[in-house]
C-alpha cells in the first residue's frame, strides 16, 4: 500500500528569486521561495502559471529548470506555485 505525501521533506526558507519562461524574459517575475527540496520548490507568485509550464528559477548562483505542478490562489491575490525540478537538475544548492 502506497502512502500519500512527499518522499523528501522540504526545508522552509525565505529567498528572493526570479521565475519565468526561458524563451520570454518579459514574463519573468520576482518571487519568494518559501520551501525547497532536492526535487522541487514552492514559490509565491503574483501571476497564475499553467500546469506543466516549463520555467526557470534563479536566485544568486542557484538556477534550475522546473515544471509547474500546481498553482493555487491565495487570499491576498498571490499564488502558491509548486515546481518540480527537471530530473537532470536534482539536488539543491539552497539546502
PDB file of N, CA and C in Angstrom:
ATOM      1  N   UNK A   1       0.837  -1.176   0.000  1.00  0.00           N
ATOM      2  CA  UNK A   1       0.000   0.000   0.000  1.00  0.00           C
ATOM      3  C   UNK A   1       0.883   1.241   0.000  1.00  0.00           C
ATOM      4  N   UNK A   2       0.613   2.168  -0.896  1.00  0.00           N
ATOM      5  CA  UNK A   2       1.416   3.367  -1.035  1.00  0.00           C
ATOM      6  C   UNK A   2       0.854   4.485  -0.162  1.00  0.00           C
ATOM      7  N   UNK A   3       1.741   5.173   0.556  1.00  0.00           N
ATOM      8  CA  UNK A   3       1.289   6.293   1.387  1.00  0.00           C
ATOM      9  C   UNK A   3       1.312   7.581   0.579  1.00  0.00           C
ATOM     10  N   UNK A   4       0.449   8.503   0.962  1.00  0.00           N
ATOM     11  CA  UNK A   4       0.381   9.797   0.294  1.00  0.00           C
ATOM     12  C   UNK A   4       1.431  10.739   0.874  1.00  0.00           C
ATOM     13  N   UNK A   5       1.814  11.767   0.121  1.00  0.00           N
ATOM     14  CA  UNK A   5       2.741  12.767   0.626  1.00  0.00           C
ATOM     15  C   UNK A   5       4.078  12.721  -0.088  1.00  0.00           C
ATOM     16  N   UNK A   6       4.944  13.622   0.307  1.00  0.00           N
ATOM     17  CA  UNK A   6       6.252  13.743  -0.317  1.00  0.00           C
ATOM     18  C   UNK A   6       7.210  12.680   0.210  1.00  0.00           C
ATOM     19  N   UNK A   7       8.110  12.263  -0.663  1.00  0.00           N
ATOM     20  CA  UNK A   7       9.152  11.321  -0.277  1.00  0.00           C
ATOM     21  C   UNK A   7      10.217  12.051   0.535  1.00  0.00           C
ATOM     22  N   UNK A   8      10.552  13.269   0.104  1.00  0.00           N
ATOM     23  CA  UNK A   8      11.580  14.048   0.781  1.00  0.00           C
ATOM     24  C   UNK A   8      10.951  15.250   1.478  1.00  0.00           C
ATOM     25  N   UNK A   9      11.456  15.574   2.631  1.00  0.00           N
ATOM     26  CA  UNK A   9      10.979  16.747   3.360  1.00  0.00           C
ATOM     27  C   UNK A   9      11.519  18.008   2.693  1.00  0.00           C
ATOM     28  N   UNK A  10      10.725  19.063   2.764  1.00  0.00           N
ATOM     29  CA  UNK A  10      11.160  20.357   2.239  1.00  0.00           C
ATOM     30  C   UNK A  10      11.655  21.222   3.379  1.00  0.00           C
ATOM     31  N   UNK A  11      12.624  22.068   3.074  1.00  0.00           N
ATOM     32  CA  UNK A  11      13.199  22.977   4.046  1.00  0.00           C
ATOM     33  C   UNK A  11      12.522  24.337   3.871  1.00  0.00           C
ATOM     34  N   UNK A  12      12.024  24.903   4.965  1.00  0.00           N
ATOM     35  CA  UNK A  12      11.399  26.220   4.913  1.00  0.00           C
ATOM     36  C   UNK A  12      12.482  27.281   4.767  1.00  0.00           C
ATOM     37  N   UNK A  13      12.307  28.164   3.791  1.00  0.00           N
ATOM     38  CA  UNK A  13      13.265  29.245   3.512  1.00  0.00           C
ATOM     39  C   UNK A  13      12.473  30.490   3.122  1.00  0.00           C
ATOM     40  N   UNK A  14      13.125  31.611   3.082  1.00  0.00           N
ATOM     41  CA  UNK A  14      12.562  32.840   2.519  1.00  0.00           C
ATOM     42  C   UNK A  14      13.673  33.467   1.691  1.00  0.00           C
ATOM     43  N   UNK A  15      13.655  33.133   0.386  1.00  0.00           N
ATOM     44  CA  UNK A  15      14.716  33.561  -0.521  1.00  0.00           C
ATOM     45  C   UNK A  15      14.079  34.197  -1.753  1.00  0.00           C
ATOM     46  N   UNK A  16      14.517  35.396  -2.086  1.00  0.00           N
ATOM     47  CA  UNK A  16      14.046  36.049  -3.305  1.00  0.00           C
ATOM     48  C   UNK A  16      14.630  35.338  -4.518  1.00  0.00           C
ATOM     49  N   UNK A  17      13.812  35.217  -5.567  1.00  0.00           N
ATOM     50  CA  UNK A  17      14.248  34.530  -6.776  1.00  0.00           C
ATOM     51  C   UNK A  17      13.553  35.145  -7.990  1.00  0.00           C
ATOM     52  N   UNK A  18      14.013  34.782  -9.159  1.00  0.00           N
ATOM     53  CA  UNK A  18      13.409  35.196 -10.427  1.00  0.00           C
ATOM     54  C   UNK A  18      12.826  33.951 -11.070  1.00  0.00           C
ATOM     55  N   UNK A  19      11.570  34.035 -11.514  1.00  0.00           N
ATOM     56  CA  UNK A  19      10.879  32.894 -12.106  1.00  0.00           C
ATOM     57  C   UNK A  19      10.277  33.312 -13.435  1.00  0.00           C
ATOM     58  N   UNK A  20      10.489  32.508 -14.463  1.00  0.00           N
ATOM     59  CA  UNK A  20       9.875  32.815 -15.745  1.00  0.00           C
ATOM     60  C   UNK A  20      10.297  31.851 -16.828  1.00  0.00           C
ATOM     61  N   UNK A  21       9.614  31.932 -17.964  1.00  0.00           N
ATOM     62  CA  UNK A  21       9.957  31.064 -19.098  1.00  0.00           C
ATOM     63  C   UNK A  21      11.280  31.500 -19.729  1.00  0.00           C
ATOM     64  N   UNK A  22      12.092  30.525 -20.122  1.00  0.00           N
ATOM     65  CA  UNK A  22      13.399  30.821 -20.713  1.00  0.00           C
ATOM     66  C   UNK A  22      13.271  31.636 -21.994  1.00  0.00           C
ATOM     67  N   UNK A  23      12.261  31.329 -22.797  1.00  0.00           N
ATOM     68  CA  UNK A  23      12.113  31.962 -24.100  1.00  0.00           C
ATOM     69  C   UNK A  23      11.484  33.355 -24.055  1.00  0.00           C
ATOM     70  N   UNK A  24      10.988  33.795 -22.889  1.00  0.00           N
ATOM     71  CA  UNK A  24      10.342  35.104 -22.823  1.00  0.00           C
ATOM     72  C   UNK A  24      10.618  35.761 -21.469  1.00  0.00           C
ATOM     73  N   UNK A  25      11.719  36.482 -21.374  1.00  0.00           N
ATOM     74  CA  UNK A  25      12.106  37.099 -20.100  1.00  0.00           C
ATOM     75  C   UNK A  25      11.156  38.222 -19.681  1.00  0.00           C
ATOM     76  N   UNK A  26      10.325  38.729 -20.597  1.00  0.00           N
ATOM     77  CA  UNK A  26       9.361  39.774 -20.238  1.00  0.00           C
ATOM     78  C   UNK A  26       8.264  39.248 -19.309  1.00  0.00           C
ATOM     79  N   UNK A  27       8.037  37.939 -19.318  1.00  0.00           N
ATOM     80  CA  UNK A  27       7.020  37.342 -18.451  1.00  0.00           C
ATOM     81  C   UNK A  27       7.577  36.938 -17.089  1.00  0.00           C
ATOM     82  N   UNK A  28       8.895  37.050 -16.912  1.00  0.00           N
ATOM     83  CA  UNK A  28       9.519  36.659 -15.639  1.00  0.00           C
ATOM     84  C   UNK A  28       9.077  37.606 -14.529  1.00  0.00           C
ATOM     85  N   UNK A  29       9.069  37.084 -13.304  1.00  0.00           N
ATOM     86  CA  UNK A  29       8.685  37.888 -12.147  1.00  0.00           C
ATOM     87  C   UNK A  29       9.610  37.593 -10.975  1.00  0.00           C
ATOM     88  N   UNK A  30       9.702  38.552 -10.075  1.00  0.00           N
ATOM     89  CA  UNK A  30      10.429  38.343  -8.827  1.00  0.00           C
ATOM     90  C   UNK A  30       9.495  37.612  -7.881  1.00  0.00           C
ATOM     91  N   UNK A  31      10.000  36.556  -7.253  1.00  0.00           N
ATOM     92  CA  UNK A  31       9.190  35.713  -6.393  1.00  0.00           C
ATOM     93  C   UNK A  31       9.916  35.455  -5.078  1.00  0.00           C
ATOM     94  N   UNK A  32       9.227  34.774  -4.182  1.00  0.00           N
ATOM     95  CA  UNK A  32       9.802  34.350  -2.914  1.00  0.00           C
ATOM     96  C   UNK A  32       9.721  32.831  -2.844  1.00  0.00           C
ATOM     97  N   UNK A  33      10.869  32.168  -2.702  1.00  0.00           N
ATOM     98  CA  UNK A  33      10.877  30.726  -2.470  1.00  0.00           C
ATOM     99  C   UNK A  33      10.529  30.531  -1.002  1.00  0.00           C
ATOM    100  N   UNK A  34       9.502  29.716  -0.722  1.00  0.00           N
ATOM    101  CA  UNK A  34       9.095  29.512   0.674  1.00  0.00           C
ATOM    102  C   UNK A  34       9.522  28.156   1.220  1.00  0.00           C
ATOM    103  N   UNK A  35       9.701  27.173   0.335  1.00  0.00           N
ATOM    104  CA  UNK A  35      10.306  25.920   0.765  1.00  0.00           C
ATOM    105  C   UNK A  35      10.931  25.232  -0.436  1.00  0.00           C
ATOM    106  N   UNK A  36      11.904  24.352  -0.147  1.00  0.00           N
ATOM    107  CA  UNK A  36      12.662  23.723  -1.224  1.00  0.00           C
ATOM    108  C   UNK A  36      13.132  22.339  -0.782  1.00  0.00           C
ATOM    109  N   UNK A  37      13.251  21.443  -1.755  1.00  0.00           N
ATOM    110  CA  UNK A  37      13.834  20.130  -1.551  1.00  0.00           C
ATOM    111  C   UNK A  37      14.712  19.861  -2.771  1.00  0.00           C
ATOM    112  N   UNK A  38      15.460  18.773  -2.773  1.00  0.00           N
ATOM    113  CA  UNK A  38      16.255  18.471  -3.969  1.00  0.00           C
ATOM    114  C   UNK A  38      15.402  18.260  -5.218  1.00  0.00           C
ATOM    115  N   UNK A  39      14.118  17.953  -5.057  1.00  0.00           N
ATOM    116  CA  UNK A  39      13.255  17.674  -6.208  1.00  0.00           C
ATOM    117  C   UNK A  39      12.327  18.812  -6.622  1.00  0.00           C
ATOM    118  N   UNK A  40      12.163  19.830  -5.773  1.00  0.00           N
ATOM    119  CA  UNK A  40      11.231  20.882  -6.131  1.00  0.00           C
ATOM    120  C   UNK A  40      11.190  22.006  -5.129  1.00  0.00           C
ATOM    121  N   UNK A  41      10.287  22.947  -5.384  1.00  0.00           N
ATOM    122  CA  UNK A  41      10.154  24.119  -4.520  1.00  0.00           C
ATOM    123  C   UNK A  41       8.738  24.647  -4.592  1.00  0.00           C
ATOM    124  N   UNK A  42       8.386  25.430  -3.575  1.00  0.00           N
ATOM    125  CA  UNK A  42       7.132  26.159  -3.559  1.00  0.00           C
ATOM    126  C   UNK A  42       7.497  27.640  -3.552  1.00  0.00           C
ATOM    127  N   UNK A  43       6.914  28.398  -4.463  1.00  0.00           N
ATOM    128  CA  UNK A  43       7.200  29.825  -4.550  1.00  0.00           C
ATOM    129  C   UNK A  43       5.909  30.624  -4.517  1.00  0.00           C
ATOM    130  N   UNK A  44       5.977  31.842  -3.997  1.00  0.00           N
ATOM    131  CA  UNK A  44       4.839  32.759  -4.028  1.00  0.00           C
ATOM    132  C   UNK A  44       4.964  33.598  -5.284  1.00  0.00           C
ATOM    133  N   UNK A  45       3.920  33.590  -6.107  1.00  0.00           N
ATOM    134  CA  UNK A  45       3.961  34.320  -7.371  1.00  0.00           C
ATOM    135  C   UNK A  45       2.807  35.311  -7.452  1.00  0.00           C
ATOM    136  N   UNK A  46       2.970  36.304  -8.304  1.00  0.00           N
ATOM    137  CA  UNK A  46       1.901  37.280  -8.486  1.00  0.00           C
ATOM    138  C   UNK A  46       1.030  36.932  -9.697  1.00  0.00           C
ATOM    139  N   UNK A  47       1.466  35.978 -10.487  1.00  0.00           N
ATOM    140  CA  UNK A  47       0.663  35.558 -11.636  1.00  0.00           C
ATOM    141  C   UNK A  47       0.387  34.062 -11.574  1.00  0.00           C
ATOM    142  N   UNK A  48      -0.674  33.663 -12.237  1.00  0.00           N
ATOM    143  CA  UNK A  48      -1.050  32.247 -12.296  1.00  0.00           C
ATOM    144  C   UNK A  48      -0.264  31.608 -13.430  1.00  0.00           C
ATOM    145  N   UNK A  49       0.492  30.563 -13.098  1.00  0.00           N
ATOM    146  CA  UNK A  49       1.242  29.810 -14.101  1.00  0.00           C
ATOM    147  C   UNK A  49       0.448  28.564 -14.463  1.00  0.00           C
ATOM    148  N   UNK A  50       0.552  28.138 -15.717  1.00  0.00           N
ATOM    149  CA  UNK A  50      -0.190  26.969 -16.202  1.00  0.00           C
ATOM    150  C   UNK A  50       0.472  25.663 -15.752  1.00  0.00           C
ATOM    151  N   UNK A  51      -0.349  24.679 -15.410  1.00  0.00           N
ATOM    152  CA  UNK A  51       0.165  23.357 -15.070  1.00  0.00           C
ATOM    153  C   UNK A  51       0.989  22.817 -16.233  1.00  0.00           C
ATOM    154  N   UNK A  52       2.146  22.251 -15.916  1.00  0.00           N
ATOM    155  CA  UNK A  52       3.019  21.690 -16.940  1.00  0.00           C
ATOM    156  C   UNK A  52       3.942  22.696 -17.599  1.00  0.00           C
ATOM    157  N   UNK A  53       3.727  23.977 -17.344  1.00  0.00           N
ATOM    158  CA  UNK A  53       4.572  25.007 -17.948  1.00  0.00           C
ATOM    159  C   UNK A  53       6.010  24.861 -17.453  1.00  0.00           C
ATOM    160  N   UNK A  54       6.968  25.004 -18.365  1.00  0.00           N
ATOM    161  CA  UNK A  54       8.376  24.896 -18.009  1.00  0.00           C
ATOM    162  C   UNK A  54       8.951  26.283 -17.774  1.00  0.00           C
ATOM    163  N   UNK A  55       9.559  26.449 -16.599  1.00  0.00           N
ATOM    164  CA  UNK A  55      10.069  27.743 -16.170  1.00  0.00           C
ATOM    165  C   UNK A  55      11.495  27.605 -15.658  1.00  0.00           C
ATOM    166  N   UNK A  56      12.178  28.724 -15.550  1.00  0.00           N
ATOM    167  CA  UNK A  56      13.488  28.781 -14.918  1.00  0.00           C
ATOM    168  C   UNK A  56      13.338  29.480 -13.580  1.00  0.00           C
ATOM    169  N   UNK A  57      13.989  28.934 -12.562  1.00  0.00           N
ATOM    170  CA  UNK A  57      14.018  29.522 -11.228  1.00  0.00           C
ATOM    171  C   UNK A  57      15.464  29.867 -10.928  1.00  0.00           C
ATOM    172  N   UNK A  58      15.731  31.123 -10.567  1.00  0.00           N
ATOM    173  CA  UNK A  58      17.107  31.558 -10.320  1.00  0.00           C
ATOM    174  C   UNK A  58      17.179  32.449  -9.094  1.00  0.00           C
ATOM    175  N   UNK A  59      18.209  32.192  -8.277  1.00  0.00           N
ATOM    176  CA  UNK A  59      18.492  33.018  -7.112  1.00  0.00           C
ATOM    177  C   UNK A  59      19.988  32.939  -6.859  1.00  0.00           C
ATOM    178  N   UNK A  60      20.692  34.032  -7.099  1.00  0.00           N
ATOM    179  CA  UNK A  60      22.146  34.012  -6.955  1.00  0.00           C
ATOM    180  C   UNK A  60      22.733  32.983  -7.904  1.00  0.00           C
ATOM    181  N   UNK A  61      23.553  32.062  -7.376  1.00  0.00           N
ATOM    182  CA  UNK A  61      24.146  31.009  -8.189  1.00  0.00           C
ATOM    183  C   UNK A  61      23.241  29.804  -8.388  1.00  0.00           C
ATOM    184  N   UNK A  62      22.070  29.793  -7.758  1.00  0.00           N
ATOM    185  CA  UNK A  62      21.114  28.690  -7.871  1.00  0.00           C
ATOM    186  C   UNK A  62      20.258  28.910  -9.113  1.00  0.00           C
ATOM    187  N   UNK A  63      20.304  27.961 -10.049  1.00  0.00           N
ATOM    188  CA  UNK A  63      19.489  28.034 -11.264  1.00  0.00           C
ATOM    189  C   UNK A  63      18.967  26.645 -11.585  1.00  0.00           C
ATOM    190  N   UNK A  64      17.654  26.542 -11.752  1.00  0.00           N
ATOM    191  CA  UNK A  64      17.032  25.252 -12.063  1.00  0.00           C
ATOM    192  C   UNK A  64      15.919  25.437 -13.083  1.00  0.00           C
ATOM    193  N   UNK A  65      15.814  24.461 -13.973  1.00  0.00           N
ATOM    194  CA  UNK A  65      14.653  24.371 -14.842  1.00  0.00           C
ATOM    195  C   UNK A  65      13.615  23.584 -14.060  1.00  0.00           C
ATOM    196  N   UNK A  66      12.361  24.006 -14.176  1.00  0.00           N
ATOM    197  CA  UNK A  66      11.308  23.359 -13.387  1.00  0.00           C
ATOM    198  C   UNK A  66      10.002  23.336 -14.172  1.00  0.00           C
ATOM    199  N   UNK A  67       9.116  22.445 -13.733  1.00  0.00           N
ATOM    200  CA  UNK A  67       7.789  22.306 -14.325  1.00  0.00           C
ATOM    201  C   UNK A  67       6.766  22.633 -13.255  1.00  0.00           C
ATOM    202  N   UNK A  68       5.741  23.396 -13.621  1.00  0.00           N
ATOM    203  CA  UNK A  68       4.675  23.759 -12.680  1.00  0.00           C
ATOM    204  C   UNK A  68       3.799  22.530 -12.416  1.00  0.00           C
ATOM    205  N   UNK A  69       3.668  22.150 -11.136  1.00  0.00           N
ATOM    206  CA  UNK A  69       2.830  21.001 -10.771  1.00  0.00           C
ATOM    207  C   UNK A  69       1.540  21.436 -10.071  1.00  0.00           C
ATOM    208  N   UNK A  70       1.506  22.649  -9.546  1.00  0.00           N
ATOM    209  CA  UNK A  70       0.257  23.228  -9.050  1.00  0.00           C
ATOM    210  C   UNK A  70       0.420  24.738  -8.952  1.00  0.00           C
ATOM    211  N   UNK A  71      -0.707  25.431  -8.972  1.00  0.00           N
ATOM    212  CA  UNK A  71      -0.724  26.888  -8.819  1.00  0.00           C
ATOM    213  C   UNK A  71      -2.054  27.233  -8.150  1.00  0.00           C
ATOM    214  N   UNK A  72      -1.982  27.440  -6.829  1.00  0.00           N
ATOM    215  CA  UNK A  72      -3.195  27.659  -6.032  1.00  0.00           C
ATOM    216  C   UNK A  72      -3.337  29.125  -5.647  1.00  0.00           C
ATOM    217  N   UNK A  73      -4.521  29.695  -5.836  1.00  0.00           N
ATOM    218  CA  UNK A  73      -4.730  31.090  -5.440  1.00  0.00           C
ATOM    219  C   UNK A  73      -4.721  31.241  -3.915  1.00  0.00           C
ATOM    220  N   UNK A  74      -4.179  32.353  -3.452  1.00  0.00           N
ATOM    221  CA  UNK A  74      -4.180  32.695  -2.033  1.00  0.00           C
ATOM    222  C   UNK A  74      -5.123  33.869  -1.810  1.00  0.00           C
ATOM    223  N   UNK A  75      -5.515  34.122  -0.594  1.00  0.00           N
ATOM    224  CA  UNK A  75      -6.466  35.178  -0.259  1.00  0.00           C
ATOM    225  C   UNK A  75      -5.947  36.573  -0.604  1.00  0.00           C
ATOM    226  N   UNK A  76      -4.636  36.754  -0.628  1.00  0.00           N
ATOM    227  CA  UNK A  76      -4.049  38.080  -0.868  1.00  0.00           C
ATOM    228  C   UNK A  76      -3.842  38.401  -2.342  1.00  0.00           C
ATOM    229  N   UNK A  77      -4.383  37.577  -3.237  1.00  0.00           N
ATOM    230  CA  UNK A  77      -4.226  37.817  -4.667  1.00  0.00           C
ATOM    231  C   UNK A  77      -2.975  37.188  -5.257  1.00  0.00           C
ATOM    232  N   UNK A  78      -2.139  36.594  -4.423  1.00  0.00           N
ATOM    233  CA  UNK A  78      -0.935  35.897  -4.887  1.00  0.00           C
ATOM    234  C   UNK A  78      -1.283  34.436  -5.156  1.00  0.00           C
ATOM    235  N   UNK A  79      -0.282  33.687  -5.617  1.00  0.00           N
ATOM    236  CA  UNK A  79      -0.455  32.268  -5.896  1.00  0.00           C
ATOM    237  C   UNK A  79       0.666  31.476  -5.238  1.00  0.00           C
ATOM    238  N   UNK A  80       0.323  30.313  -4.754  1.00  0.00           N
ATOM    239  CA  UNK A  80       1.294  29.352  -4.215  1.00  0.00           C
ATOM    240  C   UNK A  80       1.575  28.395  -5.372  1.00  0.00           C
ATOM    241  N   UNK A  81       2.774  28.467  -5.924  1.00  0.00           N
ATOM    242  CA  UNK A  81       3.109  27.706  -7.123  1.00  0.00           C
ATOM    243  C   UNK A  81       4.126  26.622  -6.791  1.00  0.00           C
ATOM    244  N   UNK A  82       3.766  25.372  -7.070  1.00  0.00           N
ATOM    245  CA  UNK A  82       4.643  24.237  -6.829  1.00  0.00           C
ATOM    246  C   UNK A  82       5.434  23.909  -8.081  1.00  0.00           C
ATOM    247  N   UNK A  83       6.730  23.740  -7.904  1.00  0.00           N
ATOM    248  CA  UNK A  83       7.625  23.450  -9.016  1.00  0.00           C
ATOM    249  C   UNK A  83       8.326  22.119  -8.799  1.00  0.00           C
ATOM    250  N   UNK A  84       8.457  21.350  -9.855  1.00  0.00           N
ATOM    251  CA  UNK A  84       9.238  20.120  -9.827  1.00  0.00           C
ATOM    252  C   UNK A  84      10.463  20.364 -10.697  1.00  0.00           C
ATOM    253  N   UNK A  85      11.653  20.187 -10.123  1.00  0.00           N
ATOM    254  CA  UNK A  85      12.876  20.422 -10.874  1.00  0.00           C
ATOM    255  C   UNK A  85      13.061  19.351 -11.941  1.00  0.00           C
ATOM    256  N   UNK A  86      13.676  19.752 -13.059  1.00  0.00           N
ATOM    257  CA  UNK A  86      13.993  18.812 -14.128  1.00  0.00           C
ATOM    258  C   UNK A  86      14.867  17.702 -13.551  1.00  0.00           C
ATOM    259  N   UNK A  87      14.679  16.472 -14.018  1.00  0.00           N
ATOM    260  CA  UNK A  87      15.376  15.300 -13.470  1.00  0.00           C
ATOM    261  C   UNK A  87      16.886  15.488 -13.467  1.00  0.00           C
ATOM    262  N   UNK A  88      17.440  16.068 -14.504  1.00  0.00           N
ATOM    263  CA  UNK A  88      18.887  16.245 -14.594  1.00  0.00           C
ATOM    264  C   UNK A  88      19.402  17.245 -13.578  1.00  0.00           C
ATOM    265  N   UNK A  89      18.513  18.063 -13.023  1.00  0.00           N
ATOM    266  CA  UNK A  89      18.924  19.127 -12.104  1.00  0.00           C
ATOM    267  C   UNK A  89      18.667  18.790 -10.647  1.00  0.00           C
ATOM    268  N   UNK A  90      18.325  17.534 -10.324  1.00  0.00           N
ATOM    269  CA  UNK A  90      18.043  17.190  -8.934  1.00  0.00           C
ATOM    270  C   UNK A  90      19.230  17.510  -8.056  1.00  0.00           C
ATOM    271  N   UNK A  91      18.948  18.016  -6.898  1.00  0.00           N
ATOM    272  CA  UNK A  91      19.988  18.482  -5.987  1.00  0.00           C
ATOM    273  C   UNK A  91      19.792  19.966  -5.813  1.00  0.00           C
ATOM    274  N   UNK A  92      20.116  20.481  -4.675  1.00  0.00           N
ATOM    275  CA  UNK A  92      19.830  21.875  -4.424  1.00  0.00           C
ATOM    276  C   UNK A  92      20.953  22.552  -3.667  1.00  0.00           C
ATOM    277  N   UNK A  93      21.443  23.650  -4.210  1.00  0.00           N
ATOM    278  CA  UNK A  93      22.463  24.427  -3.526  1.00  0.00           C
ATOM    279  C   UNK A  93      21.851  25.285  -2.439  1.00  0.00           C
ATOM    280  N   UNK A  94      20.519  25.362  -2.378  1.00  0.00           N
ATOM    281  CA  UNK A  94      19.847  26.169  -1.370  1.00  0.00           C
ATOM    282  C   UNK A  94      19.723  25.420  -0.047  1.00  0.00           C
ATOM    283  N   UNK A  95      19.865  24.100  -0.056  1.00  0.00           N
ATOM    284  CA  UNK A  95      19.680  23.313   1.171  1.00  0.00           C
ATOM    285  C   UNK A  95      20.917  23.350   2.023  1.00  0.00           C
TER     286      UNK A  95
END
